[in-house]
């Protein structure tokens, strides 16, 4: 990634986050600094990212902001702590002084996180997006099912039914909740908790409270039920093979819901084609008991702000797909397919 590309993405991110003064201020300050010249800290960022490939337009800047936020949460002496409301700070009119001090000598942990880690976040309103397909597909049939999420982080989306209690949803049909992630996050570990919090913008305090509430629910349920939720180390491209090996498809009285959100948008077209083919092969033994659900940005759109809820399944042995809904996070425009019930209900 070039300095110019990163600056353009930062500016687009700042525009998208215009309602959050601190977040947009940090992104704009960084973009302006990169456009003026090549600051010394840019070489450090570029070196940390030299072996990474960012496909999605918002991947690099959101990781950058997450890593900044984590340092402030993790160190009370971090210059940014006094600026981030999530750390008890008060937003200044100009984030420049705090950012300048921090980036003049960034800690090794900041650069290591840029090099190795992935942003994982929780948005309550999006965490439940697998529930409608599950109700239309499995609950209609009274069919128990394994719920598996790719890049699940700490698995909070898998527990959306427990945290938000959607009306009419039958949680008893979930045979197991399995989260796959290259770096699973342990909710009992303070550093993991802080990394999750860091994935939410530092002045989005209601969203942080929603995260804390969801974490409390999962920790309580996990104390009461040891196997309530399982998180396993697994890269996204290996998820189909993991499912094929570890989740039995030979029980005619159980189904599979494989779910990914904000995962395939980070894949190139070639990688996505391979992933989709691998998922299709994994679903074959499940027949009409298997369902693949995606919540992803529209592929091919630069600076896309539109998510699609896509469902894939076998209908009479033929692979079939439907865009159940789309929603634009910038305009709040929602479009729903009237065919969803028939598509998921067909036997």
Protein backbone atom coordinates (compact mmCIF):
# COMPACT_ATOMS: atom_id res chain seq x y z
CA UNK A 1 0.00 0.00 0.00
CA UNK A 2 1.35 3.41 -0.95
CA UNK A 3 1.22 6.49 1.22
CA UNK A 4 -1.19 8.11 -1.24
CA UNK A 5 -3.54 5.12 -1.20
CA UNK A 6 -3.63 5.06 2.59
CA UNK A 7 -4.30 8.80 2.74
CA UNK A 8 -7.23 8.45 0.33
CA UNK A 9 -8.71 5.61 2.38
CA UNK A 10 -8.27 7.60 5.60
CA UNK A 11 -10.14 10.54 4.07
CA UNK A 12 -12.98 8.26 2.98
CA UNK A 13 -13.11 6.74 6.47
CA UNK A 14 -13.19 10.20 8.06
CA UNK A 15 -16.10 11.15 5.83
CA UNK A 16 -17.97 7.99 6.80
CA UNK A 17 -17.33 8.68 10.51
CA UNK A 18 -18.25 12.36 10.28
CA UNK A 19 -20.70 12.02 13.17
CA UNK A 20 -17.90 10.97 15.52
CA UNK A 21 -15.65 13.96 16.13
CA UNK A 22 -12.74 12.07 17.69
CA UNK A 23 -12.66 9.23 15.17
CA UNK A 24 -12.97 11.49 12.14
CA UNK A 25 -10.44 13.90 13.64
CA UNK A 26 -7.80 11.19 14.07
CA UNK A 27 -8.33 9.91 10.53
CA UNK A 28 -8.25 13.39 8.95
CA UNK A 29 -5.14 14.43 10.87
CA UNK A 30 -3.35 11.28 9.72
CA UNK A 31 -4.47 11.76 6.11
CA UNK A 32 -3.36 15.40 6.10
CA UNK A 33 0.05 14.50 7.54
CA UNK A 34 0.57 11.89 4.82
CA UNK A 35 -0.50 14.26 2.05
CA UNK A 36 1.87 17.03 3.15
CA UNK A 37 5.01 14.90 3.15
CA UNK A 38 6.38 11.55 4.24
CA UNK A 39 6.47 11.70 8.05
CA UNK A 40 9.06 9.49 9.78
CA UNK A 41 6.36 7.28 11.28
CA UNK A 42 5.03 6.32 7.85
CA UNK A 43 8.12 4.18 7.26
CA UNK A 44 7.35 2.31 10.48
CA UNK A 45 3.76 1.66 9.41
CA UNK A 46 4.79 0.64 5.90
CA UNK A 47 7.38 -1.78 7.30
CA UNK A 48 4.82 -3.32 9.66
CA UNK A 49 2.45 -3.84 6.72
CA UNK A 50 4.98 -4.92 4.11
CA UNK A 51 3.90 -8.58 4.19
CA UNK A 52 0.17 -7.85 4.44
CA UNK A 53 -2.31 -7.46 1.64
CA UNK A 54 -5.32 -5.24 2.19
CA UNK A 55 -8.17 -5.87 -0.24
CA UNK A 56 -11.06 -4.03 1.43
CA UNK A 57 -10.86 -0.22 1.33
CA UNK A 58 -11.51 0.11 5.07
CA UNK A 59 -9.23 -2.65 6.30
CA UNK A 60 -5.96 -0.74 6.79
CA UNK A 61 -7.31 2.43 8.39
CA UNK A 62 -9.69 0.53 10.69
CA UNK A 63 -6.78 -1.63 11.90
CA UNK A 64 -4.67 1.51 12.38
CA UNK A 65 -7.39 3.12 14.50
CA UNK A 66 -7.94 -0.12 16.44
CA UNK A 67 -4.22 -0.35 17.24
CA UNK A 68 -4.18 3.30 18.40
CA UNK A 69 -7.26 2.73 20.55
CA UNK A 70 -5.77 -0.43 22.08
CA UNK A 71 -2.62 1.40 23.18
CA UNK A 72 -4.74 4.06 24.89
CA UNK A 73 -6.87 1.43 26.63
CA UNK A 74 -3.81 -0.56 27.66
CA UNK A 75 -1.62 2.27 28.97
CA UNK A 76 -2.94 5.15 31.05
CA UNK A 77 0.20 7.14 30.17
CA UNK A 78 -0.44 6.89 26.43
CA UNK A 79 -0.85 10.45 25.04
CA UNK A 80 -4.07 9.38 23.33
CA UNK A 81 -5.77 8.33 26.58
CA UNK A 82 -6.53 11.94 27.48
CA UNK A 83 -8.14 12.42 24.07
CA UNK A 84 -10.25 9.26 23.76
CA UNK A 85 -13.63 9.33 25.60
CA UNK A 86 -13.48 5.54 25.97
CA UNK A 87 -10.46 6.02 28.24
CA UNK A 88 -12.08 8.77 30.27
CA UNK A 89 -10.54 11.50 28.15
CA UNK A 90 -12.09 14.66 26.79
CA UNK A 91 -11.85 15.27 23.07
CA UNK A 92 -9.61 18.18 22.16
CA UNK A 93 -10.40 20.38 19.19
CA UNK A 94 -7.26 19.13 17.48
CA UNK A 95 -5.98 15.54 17.84
CA UNK A 96 -2.63 16.58 16.37
CA UNK A 97 -0.63 17.12 19.57
CA UNK A 98 -1.57 13.73 21.07
CA UNK A 99 -1.04 11.87 17.80
CA UNK A 100 2.27 13.63 17.16
CA UNK A 101 3.57 12.65 20.59
CA UNK A 102 2.42 9.06 20.17
CA UNK A 103 3.71 8.55 16.64
CA UNK A 104 7.07 10.17 17.44
CA UNK A 105 7.96 7.00 19.38
CA UNK A 106 5.25 4.36 18.92
CA UNK A 107 5.60 1.34 21.21
CA UNK A 108 6.61 -2.01 19.74
CA UNK A 109 3.19 -3.43 20.62
CA UNK A 110 1.51 -0.91 18.30
CA UNK A 111 3.63 -1.95 15.34
CA UNK A 112 3.29 -5.64 16.19
CA UNK A 113 -0.49 -5.32 16.21
CA UNK A 114 -0.39 -3.62 12.81
CA UNK A 115 1.79 -6.42 11.51
CA UNK A 116 0.02 -9.45 12.94
CA UNK A 117 -3.47 -8.81 14.23
CA UNK A 118 -6.95 -8.42 12.84
CA UNK A 119 -9.66 -6.03 13.95
CA UNK A 120 -12.56 -7.83 15.59
CA UNK A 121 -15.60 -5.85 16.57
CA UNK A 122 -19.16 -6.27 17.77
CA UNK A 123 -22.19 -4.36 16.56
CA UNK A 124 -25.36 -5.44 18.33
CA UNK A 125 -27.65 -4.58 15.42
CA UNK A 126 -25.55 -6.68 13.03
CA UNK A 127 -24.86 -9.53 15.42
CA UNK A 128 -28.37 -10.92 14.89
CA UNK A 129 -28.27 -11.07 11.09
CA UNK A 130 -27.89 -14.86 11.05
CA UNK A 131 -31.05 -15.31 13.11
CA UNK A 132 -33.65 -14.60 10.42
CA UNK A 133 -32.16 -17.15 7.98
CA UNK A 134 -31.91 -19.65 10.84
CA UNK A 135 -35.58 -19.20 11.71
CA UNK A 136 -36.75 -19.45 8.10
CA UNK A 137 -34.59 -22.48 7.33
CA UNK A 138 -34.05 -24.58 10.45
CA UNK A 139 -36.79 -23.48 12.81
CA UNK A 140 -39.50 -24.04 10.21
CA UNK A 141 -38.33 -27.62 9.94
CA UNK A 142 -37.77 -28.13 13.66
CA UNK A 143 -34.24 -29.15 12.67
CA UNK A 144 -31.38 -28.87 15.19
CA UNK A 145 -28.22 -27.38 13.68
CA UNK A 146 -24.57 -26.60 14.22
CA UNK A 147 -23.84 -22.87 14.11
CA UNK A 148 -20.34 -22.04 12.85
CA UNK A 149 -18.92 -18.55 12.29
CA UNK A 150 -15.74 -17.77 10.36
CA UNK A 151 -13.45 -15.06 11.83
CA UNK A 152 -15.59 -15.10 14.94
CA UNK A 153 -13.16 -13.30 17.27
CA UNK A 154 -14.56 -14.10 20.72
CA UNK A 155 -17.76 -15.61 19.30
CA UNK A 156 -20.12 -12.86 20.45
CA UNK A 157 -22.21 -12.96 17.27
CA UNK A 158 -22.84 -16.64 17.91
CA UNK A 159 -24.56 -15.68 21.17
CA UNK A 160 -26.72 -12.89 19.74
CA UNK A 161 -29.86 -14.80 20.66
CA UNK A 162 -28.75 -14.99 24.30
CA UNK A 163 -27.72 -11.33 24.44
CA UNK A 164 -30.65 -9.77 22.57
CA UNK A 165 -33.41 -12.39 22.96
CA UNK A 166 -35.09 -11.97 19.55
CA UNK A 167 -38.82 -12.65 19.66
CA UNK A 168 -39.87 -16.11 18.55
CA UNK A 169 -36.37 -17.52 18.19
CA UNK A 170 -35.85 -21.08 19.45
CA UNK A 171 -32.32 -21.30 20.86
CA UNK A 172 -32.80 -24.93 21.86
CA UNK A 173 -32.30 -26.00 18.23
CA UNK A 174 -28.65 -24.91 18.27
CA UNK A 175 -26.67 -28.12 18.77
CA UNK A 176 -23.33 -26.31 19.12
CA UNK A 177 -21.86 -22.84 18.62
CA UNK A 178 -18.39 -22.91 17.08
CA UNK A 179 -16.29 -19.83 16.35
CA UNK A 180 -13.31 -20.15 14.02
CA UNK A 181 -10.62 -17.47 14.02
CA UNK A 182 -6.89 -17.27 13.24
CA UNK A 183 -6.44 -15.63 16.65
CA UNK A 184 -9.41 -16.50 18.90
CA UNK A 185 -10.07 -13.99 21.67
CA UNK A 186 -10.53 -15.18 25.25
CA UNK A 187 -13.11 -13.09 27.08
CA UNK A 188 -11.53 -13.94 30.44
CA UNK A 189 -8.26 -12.31 29.32
CA UNK A 190 -8.05 -8.55 29.88
CA UNK A 191 -5.85 -7.97 26.81
CA UNK A 192 -8.37 -9.78 24.60
CA UNK A 193 -11.19 -7.75 26.12
CA UNK A 194 -9.30 -4.55 25.38
CA UNK A 195 -8.62 -5.61 21.80
CA UNK A 196 -12.35 -6.18 21.31
CA UNK A 197 -13.13 -2.78 22.79
CA UNK A 198 -10.44 -1.19 20.64
CA UNK A 199 -12.28 -2.40 17.55
CA UNK A 200 -15.07 0.05 18.39
CA UNK A 201 -14.36 3.71 17.73
CA UNK A 202 -13.17 5.56 20.85
CA UNK A 203 -16.05 8.05 20.91
CA UNK A 204 -18.77 5.48 20.19
CA UNK A 205 -19.60 4.94 23.87
CA UNK A 206 -23.08 3.39 23.40
CA UNK A 207 -21.54 0.72 21.15
CA UNK A 208 -18.91 -0.02 23.79
CA UNK A 209 -21.65 -0.46 26.39
CA UNK A 210 -23.44 -2.88 24.05
CA UNK A 211 -20.20 -4.83 23.71
CA UNK A 212 -19.75 -4.98 27.48
CA UNK A 213 -23.32 -6.20 27.92
CA UNK A 214 -22.83 -8.96 25.35
CA UNK A 215 -19.56 -10.04 26.96
CA UNK A 216 -21.26 -10.26 30.36
CA UNK A 217 -23.98 -12.50 28.90
CA UNK A 218 -21.49 -14.85 27.26
CA UNK A 219 -19.30 -15.09 30.36
CA UNK A 220 -22.33 -15.88 32.52
CA UNK A 221 -23.64 -18.52 30.13
CA UNK A 222 -20.19 -20.04 29.80
CA UNK A 223 -19.96 -20.36 33.57
CA UNK A 224 -23.30 -22.15 33.65
CA UNK A 225 -22.69 -24.23 30.51
CA UNK A 226 -19.07 -25.22 29.90
CA UNK A 227 -19.71 -25.96 26.22
CA UNK A 228 -22.00 -23.02 25.53
CA UNK A 229 -19.56 -21.61 22.97
CA UNK A 230 -16.32 -22.97 21.56
CA UNK A 231 -13.67 -20.89 19.77
CA UNK A 232 -11.00 -22.66 17.73
CA UNK A 233 -7.89 -21.38 15.95
CA UNK A 234 -8.53 -21.65 12.22
CA UNK A 235 -7.73 -19.39 9.26
CA UNK A 236 -10.75 -18.42 7.13
CA UNK A 237 -9.53 -20.20 4.03
CA UNK A 238 -9.28 -23.42 6.05
CA UNK A 239 -12.73 -23.12 7.63
CA UNK A 240 -14.54 -25.34 5.08
CA UNK A 241 -11.99 -28.13 5.61
CA UNK A 242 -12.29 -27.77 9.40
CA UNK A 243 -16.07 -28.14 9.21
CA UNK A 244 -15.82 -31.13 6.88
CA UNK A 245 -13.40 -32.86 9.24
CA UNK A 246 -14.88 -32.01 12.63
CA UNK A 247 -18.64 -31.61 12.27
CA UNK A 248 -20.46 -34.82 11.28
CA UNK A 249 -22.78 -34.54 8.29
CA UNK A 250 -24.17 -38.07 8.52
CA UNK A 251 -26.88 -37.35 11.10
CA UNK A 252 -30.11 -36.83 9.12
CA UNK A 253 -31.62 -35.05 12.11
CA UNK A 254 -29.07 -32.21 12.25
CA UNK A 255 -28.16 -29.34 9.95
CA UNK A 256 -25.34 -26.86 9.46
CA UNK A 257 -25.35 -23.05 9.34
CA UNK A 258 -21.99 -21.70 8.20
CA UNK A 259 -21.76 -17.94 8.65
CA UNK A 260 -19.31 -15.22 7.69
CA UNK A 261 -19.57 -11.46 8.13
CA UNK A 262 -16.93 -9.02 6.89
CA UNK A 263 -14.69 -11.92 5.88
CA UNK A 264 -14.82 -12.49 2.13
CA UNK A 265 -14.66 -8.77 1.37
CA UNK A 266 -11.03 -9.09 2.46
CA UNK A 267 -10.41 -11.77 -0.17
CA UNK A 268 -9.38 -11.18 -3.76
CA UNK A 269 -11.78 -12.41 -6.44
CA UNK A 270 -9.61 -15.48 -6.96
CA UNK A 271 -9.45 -16.27 -3.23
CA UNK A 272 -13.19 -15.77 -2.87
CA UNK A 273 -13.87 -18.13 -5.77
CA UNK A 274 -11.73 -20.80 -4.09
CA UNK A 275 -13.41 -20.22 -0.74
CA UNK A 276 -16.91 -20.39 -2.24
CA UNK A 277 -16.05 -23.62 -4.04
CA UNK A 278 -14.66 -25.12 -0.84
CA UNK A 279 -17.81 -24.16 1.07
CA UNK A 280 -19.98 -25.68 -1.66
CA UNK A 281 -18.04 -28.95 -1.40
CA UNK A 282 -18.40 -28.90 2.38
CA UNK A 283 -22.17 -28.40 2.14
CA UNK A 284 -22.71 -31.26 -0.33
CA UNK A 285 -22.89 -34.05 2.28
CA UNK A 286 -25.46 -32.01 4.20
CA UNK A 287 -27.79 -31.92 1.23
CA UNK A 288 -30.80 -29.73 1.94
CA UNK A 289 -29.84 -29.52 5.63
CA UNK A 290 -26.95 -27.13 4.97
CA UNK A 291 -27.04 -23.34 4.74
CA UNK A 292 -24.27 -20.82 4.08
CA UNK A 293 -25.07 -17.24 5.11
CA UNK A 294 -22.90 -14.22 4.32
CA UNK A 295 -23.04 -10.59 5.41
CA UNK A 296 -20.53 -8.84 3.18
CA UNK A 297 -19.95 -5.63 1.26
CA UNK A 298 -20.90 -5.65 -2.41
CA UNK A 299 -17.96 -7.12 -4.30
CA UNK A 300 -16.36 -4.90 -6.93
CA UNK A 301 -17.57 -1.60 -5.49
CA UNK A 302 -14.77 0.78 -4.51
CA UNK A 303 -15.49 2.38 -1.12
CA UNK A 304 -18.62 0.23 -0.79
CA UNK A 305 -20.86 1.06 2.15
CA UNK A 306 -23.55 -1.45 1.19
CA UNK A 307 -23.82 -4.79 2.95
CA UNK A 308 -25.65 -7.75 1.47
CA UNK A 309 -27.24 -10.61 3.41
CA UNK A 310 -26.71 -13.58 1.08
CA UNK A 311 -27.96 -17.14 1.54
CA UNK A 312 -26.66 -20.20 -0.31
CA UNK A 313 -28.13 -23.70 -0.22
CA UNK A 314 -28.99 -26.77 -2.26
CA UNK A 315 -32.51 -26.84 -3.70
CA UNK A 316 -33.39 -30.27 -5.12
CA UNK A 317 -29.67 -30.94 -5.37
CA UNK A 318 -28.89 -27.72 -7.27
CA UNK A 319 -26.72 -24.98 -5.67
CA UNK A 320 -28.85 -21.85 -5.32
CA UNK A 321 -28.30 -18.36 -3.91
CA UNK A 322 -30.37 -15.35 -2.93
CA UNK A 323 -29.61 -11.82 -1.75
CA UNK A 324 -32.07 -11.71 1.14
CA UNK A 325 -31.44 -8.07 2.00
CA UNK A 326 -29.10 -5.16 1.45
CA UNK A 327 -28.47 -2.15 3.63
CA UNK A 328 -26.33 0.94 3.20
CA UNK A 329 -24.67 2.08 6.42
CA UNK A 330 -24.24 5.61 5.05
CA UNK A 331 -27.77 6.28 3.80
CA UNK A 332 -29.58 3.81 6.12
CA UNK A 333 -31.43 2.51 3.05
CA UNK A 334 -32.67 -1.08 3.42
CA UNK A 335 -33.97 -3.41 0.71
CA UNK A 336 -35.52 -6.79 1.52
CA UNK A 337 -36.30 -9.66 -0.84
CA UNK A 338 -39.86 -10.94 -0.70
CA UNK A 339 -38.55 -14.29 -1.96
CA UNK A 340 -36.57 -15.11 1.20
CA UNK A 341 -39.32 -17.14 2.85
CA UNK A 342 -39.92 -19.30 -0.21
CA UNK A 343 -36.21 -19.70 -0.93
CA UNK A 344 -35.32 -20.89 2.57
CA UNK A 345 -38.55 -22.76 3.13
CA UNK A 346 -38.42 -24.82 -0.06
CA UNK A 347 -37.85 -28.54 0.47
